[in-house]
Amino acid sequence: MPTQTRDEAGAGPFLVASLTAFTGLLGTYLFFVRTTTGQFIDESALVEAVALYGAAGKAALRFLDLLPALSAAAATIALGYAALARGRWAAALIALLAAAGANATTQILKAEVLTRPFRGIETLTENSLPSGHTTLAASAAAAVFLVASPRWRPFLAFVGGTFAVVSGGSTLVNQWHRPADVVAAFLVVAAFTAPAGWAVLRTGSAWNAWEGYGGHWASSRWWLALPVLAGLAAAAAAAVALIRIAGPEVSTTHYFWAGCSLIVITGYLLAVAGAWLFGRSARSPHETPHVSMTPA
C-alpha cells in the first residue's frame, strides 16, 4: 500500500464542504429567483422591511457605509500580522486569494451569469444575487479565521459569523438586498473558504496544531454552542412567522422576520460548520506531521 500523509487524507471533507456550498448556492438561486413562489417570499421580505426602516434603517445605513472600510481594515490587520509577525506568509496569501475569489465570483455571477426572470411578481428585474456587501463582510471574516491560530478559531468563527449576519441583515433592513441574496453570498464565501482552509492547514504543522476544545478561553465549546442556540432561536422565530403567514392574518412583517431568520440560521450554521471542520482536521501537537501507511 502506498504511503499516505494525514494532510492528503484530510482533503476530502473540505472538498465536500465546498461542493455542498456550491450546491446550496445553486438551489437558492433556482428557488428564490427562478420560481414564482420563491420570488414572492423573497420580495415580500424586502417590501416589509419598510415597516422597520425608521431608526433601525438609519443605523443599518450608517453601518453599511462603514462596512467596506471595516472589512478591509480587519482583513488587512489580520493578514499583515499573520504574515509579518507570525511568518505565515503562505496562509496569508491563501486567505487573500480566497477572499478575492469569493468577491470576484459574486460580481461575475450577479452581473454576467445569473438572471432574474419575470414571474408575475412586482419587483426590480435586475438580478441582485449574491449580495456584494455581504460577500465582502463574510470573506473578510473568513480571512481572519483562516490565518488565526487554532485555539482562536472557535471564538473567531462566532465573532466573524455575527459580523457577517449583521452585515447581511443590514442590507435587508436598508432594502438593498433580499434574504436570498445574503444567503447566496454566505455560500459563495463558504465555497472558497473550505478549499482554502485545507491549503492553510498544510502550510505549517507547528502553528496549526492545537490541544482541542477547552485548552484556552477562545477555544471553548461555548463559541460553537452560542451560534447553535442563536440558530435555534431564529428557527423558532421563523416557525412562528410562517404559521402566522399561513393563517388568516394579513402579513405586515412576517415575511421580513422569516427572511431575517433565514439569514441568521445560514450564517451561524456555516460558522459552526467551519469551526467544527477545522477542529476536526487540525493536528494535535502530540501527533507526528505525517502518518505512514506501510504494507501489511
Protein backbone atom coordinates (compact mmCIF):
# COMPACT_ATOMS: atom_id res chain seq x y z
CA MET A 1 0.00 0.00 0.00
CA PRO A 2 1.46 3.42 -0.89
CA THR A 3 2.45 5.91 1.78
CA GLN A 4 -0.27 8.45 2.54
CA THR A 5 0.01 11.57 4.65
CA ARG A 6 -2.55 12.78 7.15
CA ASP A 7 -2.88 16.09 5.26
CA GLU A 8 -3.58 14.35 1.96
CA ALA A 9 -6.19 12.11 3.59
CA GLY A 10 -7.91 15.19 5.06
CA ALA A 11 -8.69 16.88 1.74
CA GLY A 12 -11.99 15.06 1.19
CA PRO A 13 -14.14 16.81 3.84
CA PHE A 14 -13.05 20.24 2.64
CA LEU A 15 -13.89 19.37 -0.96
CA VAL A 16 -17.29 18.03 0.10
CA ALA A 17 -17.94 21.22 2.07
CA SER A 18 -17.09 23.37 -0.93
CA LEU A 19 -19.28 21.35 -3.30
CA THR A 20 -22.12 21.41 -0.77
CA ALA A 21 -21.89 25.20 -0.59
CA PHE A 22 -21.97 25.50 -4.39
CA THR A 23 -24.97 23.16 -4.50
CA GLY A 24 -26.71 25.27 -1.87
CA LEU A 25 -25.96 28.38 -3.89
CA LEU A 26 -27.50 26.84 -7.00
CA GLY A 27 -30.56 25.69 -5.06
CA THR A 28 -31.01 29.13 -3.51
CA TYR A 29 -30.91 30.75 -6.94
CA LEU A 30 -33.22 28.24 -8.60
CA PHE A 31 -35.92 28.54 -5.91
CA PHE A 32 -35.80 32.19 -4.85
CA VAL A 33 -35.07 33.69 -8.26
CA ARG A 34 -36.37 31.27 -10.87
CA THR A 35 -39.74 30.35 -9.28
CA THR A 36 -42.83 32.47 -8.63
CA THR A 37 -43.16 31.24 -5.05
CA GLY A 38 -39.53 31.96 -4.25
CA GLN A 39 -39.69 35.43 -5.77
CA PHE A 40 -42.86 36.23 -3.83
CA ILE A 41 -41.35 35.15 -0.49
CA ASP A 42 -38.10 37.00 -1.10
CA GLU A 43 -39.72 40.17 -2.40
CA SER A 44 -42.29 40.22 0.41
CA ALA A 45 -39.50 40.24 2.98
CA LEU A 46 -37.87 43.17 1.18
CA VAL A 47 -41.14 45.12 0.95
CA GLU A 48 -41.97 44.54 4.61
CA ALA A 49 -38.58 45.90 5.65
CA VAL A 50 -40.08 49.35 5.01
CA ALA A 51 -42.15 48.94 8.19
CA LEU A 52 -38.97 48.70 10.26
CA TYR A 53 -36.90 51.29 8.47
CA GLY A 54 -37.01 54.22 10.91
CA ALA A 55 -34.17 54.29 13.41
CA ALA A 56 -33.12 50.73 12.56
CA GLY A 57 -32.79 51.63 8.91
CA LYS A 58 -30.70 54.71 9.65
CA ALA A 59 -28.39 52.67 11.87
CA ALA A 60 -28.16 49.98 9.19
CA LEU A 61 -27.32 52.58 6.56
CA ARG A 62 -24.52 54.04 8.69
CA PHE A 63 -23.16 50.54 9.28
CA LEU A 64 -23.28 49.72 5.56
CA ASP A 65 -21.46 52.94 4.75
CA LEU A 66 -18.66 51.85 7.09
CA LEU A 67 -18.75 48.18 6.09
CA PRO A 68 -16.18 48.25 3.25
CA ALA A 69 -13.68 50.11 5.41
CA LEU A 70 -14.32 47.88 8.44
CA SER A 71 -13.97 44.70 6.38
CA ALA A 72 -10.82 45.86 4.63
CA ALA A 73 -9.26 47.03 7.90
CA ALA A 74 -9.99 43.78 9.73
CA ALA A 75 -8.63 41.63 6.91
CA THR A 76 -5.56 43.83 6.36
CA ILE A 77 -4.61 43.87 10.04
CA ALA A 78 -5.11 40.11 10.44
CA LEU A 79 -3.26 39.14 7.26
CA GLY A 80 -0.48 41.63 7.90
CA TYR A 81 0.01 40.42 11.46
CA ALA A 82 -0.03 36.77 10.40
CA ALA A 83 2.49 37.37 7.63
CA LEU A 84 4.85 39.85 9.26
CA ALA A 85 4.69 38.99 12.96
CA ARG A 86 3.99 35.26 12.73
CA GLY A 87 5.68 34.41 9.45
CA ARG A 88 2.55 32.83 7.99
CA TRP A 89 3.10 34.21 4.51
CA ALA A 90 1.64 31.26 2.68
CA ALA A 91 -1.50 31.20 4.85
CA ALA A 92 -2.00 34.95 4.43
CA LEU A 93 -1.66 34.66 0.66
CA ILE A 94 -4.13 31.75 0.51
CA ALA A 95 -6.64 33.66 2.63
CA LEU A 96 -6.25 36.75 0.44
CA LEU A 97 -6.77 34.74 -2.75
CA ALA A 98 -9.85 33.03 -1.29
CA ALA A 99 -11.40 36.37 -0.34
CA ALA A 100 -10.57 37.87 -3.72
CA GLY A 101 -12.01 34.81 -5.48
CA ALA A 102 -15.25 34.98 -3.50
CA ASN A 103 -15.75 38.68 -4.19
CA ALA A 104 -14.90 38.36 -7.88
CA THR A 105 -17.24 35.37 -8.23
CA THR A 106 -20.08 37.28 -6.59
CA GLN A 107 -19.72 40.17 -9.01
CA ILE A 108 -19.45 37.90 -12.05
CA LEU A 109 -22.45 35.80 -11.02
CA LYS A 110 -24.57 38.84 -10.25
CA ALA A 111 -23.72 40.85 -13.34
CA GLU A 112 -22.88 38.31 -16.03
CA VAL A 113 -24.21 34.83 -15.24
CA LEU A 114 -27.40 34.85 -13.19
CA THR A 115 -30.59 36.46 -14.46
CA ARG A 116 -33.89 37.28 -12.79
CA PRO A 117 -36.85 36.33 -15.00
CA PHE A 118 -40.26 37.95 -14.65
CA ARG A 119 -42.62 35.63 -12.80
CA GLY A 120 -45.55 38.00 -12.27
CA ILE A 121 -44.05 39.49 -9.08
CA GLU A 122 -43.73 43.26 -8.99
CA THR A 123 -40.04 43.74 -8.39
CA LEU A 124 -36.87 45.07 -9.93
CA THR A 125 -35.89 42.82 -12.81
CA GLU A 126 -32.18 43.42 -12.28
CA ASN A 127 -30.50 40.48 -10.58
CA SER A 128 -29.09 41.24 -7.12
CA LEU A 129 -27.98 37.75 -6.05
CA PRO A 130 -25.44 37.30 -4.42
CA SER A 131 -25.03 40.37 -2.21
CA GLY A 132 -21.71 42.12 -2.76
CA HIS A 133 -21.69 43.85 0.64
CA THR A 134 -22.37 40.60 2.44
CA THR A 135 -19.68 38.77 0.46
CA LEU A 136 -17.19 41.47 1.40
CA ALA A 137 -18.01 41.19 5.11
CA ALA A 138 -18.13 37.39 5.20
CA SER A 139 -14.93 36.96 3.18
CA ALA A 140 -13.07 39.38 5.47
CA ALA A 141 -14.24 37.40 8.50
CA ALA A 142 -13.21 34.15 6.79
CA ALA A 143 -9.75 35.53 6.01
CA VAL A 144 -9.20 36.42 9.66
CA PHE A 145 -10.38 32.94 10.65
CA LEU A 146 -8.02 31.22 8.22
CA VAL A 147 -4.81 32.87 9.44
CA ALA A 148 -5.63 32.65 13.14
CA SER A 149 -4.08 30.12 15.49
CA PRO A 150 -6.32 27.06 16.03
CA ARG A 151 -7.13 27.97 19.62
CA TRP A 152 -8.62 31.27 18.43
CA ARG A 153 -10.72 29.82 15.61
CA PRO A 154 -13.84 28.83 17.62
CA PHE A 155 -14.10 32.35 19.04
CA LEU A 156 -13.39 33.98 15.68
CA ALA A 157 -15.96 31.75 13.99
CA PHE A 158 -18.60 33.15 16.33
CA VAL A 159 -17.43 36.76 16.02
CA GLY A 160 -16.99 36.52 12.25
CA GLY A 161 -20.33 34.78 11.83
CA THR A 162 -22.01 37.52 13.86
CA PHE A 163 -20.33 40.22 11.77
CA ALA A 164 -21.49 38.54 8.56
CA VAL A 165 -25.05 38.04 9.86
CA VAL A 166 -25.33 41.65 11.00
CA SER A 167 -23.91 42.84 7.68
CA GLY A 168 -26.36 40.74 5.68
CA GLY A 169 -29.29 41.67 7.88
CA SER A 170 -28.43 45.36 7.48
CA THR A 171 -28.71 45.10 3.69
CA LEU A 172 -32.24 43.72 4.14
CA VAL A 173 -33.29 46.35 6.69
CA ASN A 174 -31.94 49.04 4.39
CA GLN A 175 -33.76 47.40 1.43
CA TRP A 176 -30.60 46.89 -0.57
CA HIS A 177 -30.89 43.11 -0.81
CA ARG A 178 -33.40 40.32 -0.40
CA PRO A 179 -32.75 37.49 2.11
CA ALA A 180 -31.75 35.04 -0.65
CA ASP A 181 -29.09 37.48 -1.87
CA VAL A 182 -27.50 37.39 1.58
CA VAL A 183 -27.72 33.60 1.88
CA ALA A 184 -26.14 33.20 -1.56
CA ALA A 185 -23.26 35.46 -0.53
CA PHE A 186 -22.62 33.31 2.56
CA LEU A 187 -22.50 30.22 0.38
CA VAL A 188 -20.09 31.77 -2.14
CA VAL A 189 -17.68 32.60 0.67
CA ALA A 190 -18.05 29.13 2.18
CA ALA A 191 -17.31 27.50 -1.18
CA PHE A 192 -13.98 29.35 -1.40
CA THR A 193 -13.07 29.17 2.28
CA ALA A 194 -13.30 25.36 2.51
CA PRO A 195 -10.54 24.50 -0.01
CA ALA A 196 -8.51 27.47 1.20
CA GLY A 197 -8.75 26.04 4.72
CA TRP A 198 -7.38 22.71 3.57
CA ALA A 199 -4.46 24.52 1.93
CA VAL A 200 -3.83 26.64 5.04
CA LEU A 201 -3.66 23.55 7.23
CA ARG A 202 -0.83 22.29 5.03
CA THR A 203 1.27 25.47 5.33
CA GLY A 204 2.73 24.73 8.76
CA SER A 205 2.28 21.78 11.07
CA ALA A 206 3.60 23.64 14.12
CA TRP A 207 1.29 26.66 14.27
CA ASN A 208 -1.70 24.66 13.02
CA ALA A 209 -1.51 22.17 15.90
CA TRP A 210 -3.76 22.53 18.94
CA GLU A 211 -4.77 20.73 22.12
CA GLY A 212 -8.50 20.68 21.36
CA TYR A 213 -11.52 22.42 22.81
CA GLY A 214 -11.24 23.93 26.27
CA GLY A 215 -7.49 24.49 26.36
CA HIS A 216 -7.95 28.26 26.01
CA TRP A 217 -10.92 30.57 26.60
CA ALA A 218 -11.11 31.28 22.86
CA SER A 219 -11.37 27.58 22.09
CA SER A 220 -14.24 26.88 24.46
CA ARG A 221 -17.09 24.82 23.03
CA TRP A 222 -19.39 27.63 24.10
CA TRP A 223 -18.31 29.55 20.99
CA LEU A 224 -19.92 26.77 18.97
CA ALA A 225 -22.89 26.43 21.30
CA LEU A 226 -23.81 30.13 21.14
CA PRO A 227 -24.39 30.26 17.37
CA VAL A 228 -26.27 26.97 17.57
CA LEU A 229 -28.57 28.46 20.19
CA ALA A 230 -28.98 31.61 18.10
CA GLY A 231 -29.83 29.46 15.09
CA LEU A 232 -32.42 27.50 17.07
CA ALA A 233 -33.98 30.74 18.31
CA ALA A 234 -34.09 32.02 14.73
CA ALA A 235 -35.69 28.77 13.59
CA ALA A 236 -38.37 29.16 16.26
CA ALA A 237 -39.00 32.75 15.15
CA ALA A 238 -39.25 31.60 11.54
CA ALA A 239 -41.74 28.89 12.51
CA VAL A 240 -43.95 31.43 14.28
CA ALA A 241 -43.77 33.80 11.30
CA LEU A 242 -44.64 31.03 8.84
CA ILE A 243 -47.59 29.89 10.97
CA ARG A 244 -48.94 33.43 11.00
CA ILE A 245 -48.42 33.74 7.26
CA ALA A 246 -50.42 30.56 6.73
CA GLY A 247 -53.29 31.85 8.91
CA PRO A 248 -55.97 34.40 8.10
CA GLU A 249 -53.92 37.31 9.43
CA VAL A 250 -52.55 39.65 6.75
CA SER A 251 -48.75 39.72 6.89
CA THR A 252 -47.15 43.04 7.73
CA THR A 253 -43.70 41.91 8.90
CA HIS A 254 -43.93 38.11 8.99
CA TYR A 255 -42.04 37.59 5.74
CA PHE A 256 -39.40 40.03 6.91
CA TRP A 257 -38.81 38.15 10.16
CA ALA A 258 -38.77 34.85 8.32
CA GLY A 259 -36.14 36.28 5.97
CA CYS A 260 -34.06 37.55 8.89
CA SER A 261 -34.29 34.13 10.49
CA LEU A 262 -33.03 32.50 7.29
CA ILE A 263 -30.04 34.85 7.30
CA VAL A 264 -29.23 34.10 10.95
CA ILE A 265 -29.62 30.34 10.53
CA THR A 266 -27.46 30.16 7.41
CA GLY A 267 -24.74 32.49 8.67
CA TYR A 268 -24.31 30.78 12.01
CA LEU A 269 -24.70 27.28 10.58
CA LEU A 270 -21.80 27.90 8.21
CA ALA A 271 -19.72 29.45 11.01
CA VAL A 272 -20.24 26.40 13.25
CA ALA A 273 -19.59 24.01 10.37
CA GLY A 274 -16.34 25.79 9.57
CA ALA A 275 -15.12 25.74 13.16
CA TRP A 276 -16.06 22.07 13.52
CA LEU A 277 -14.33 21.12 10.27
CA PHE A 278 -11.11 22.88 11.22
CA GLY A 279 -11.22 21.49 14.75
CA ARG A 280 -11.67 18.00 13.36
CA SER A 281 -8.81 18.39 10.89
CA ALA A 282 -6.22 20.27 12.95
CA ARG A 283 -3.30 18.11 14.05
CA SER A 284 -2.66 17.54 17.72
CA PRO A 285 0.78 18.73 18.89
CA HIS A 286 1.38 15.19 20.13
CA GLU A 287 0.98 13.72 16.66
CA THR A 288 3.70 13.41 14.08
CA PRO A 289 3.08 15.58 10.99
CA HIS A 290 2.78 12.57 8.71
CA VAL A 291 1.25 9.16 9.30
CA SER A 292 2.77 6.45 7.14
CA MET A 293 0.65 3.58 5.97
CA THR A 294 3.06 0.71 5.41
CA PRO A 295 2.23 -2.55 3.64
CA ALA A 296 0.64 -5.18 5.85
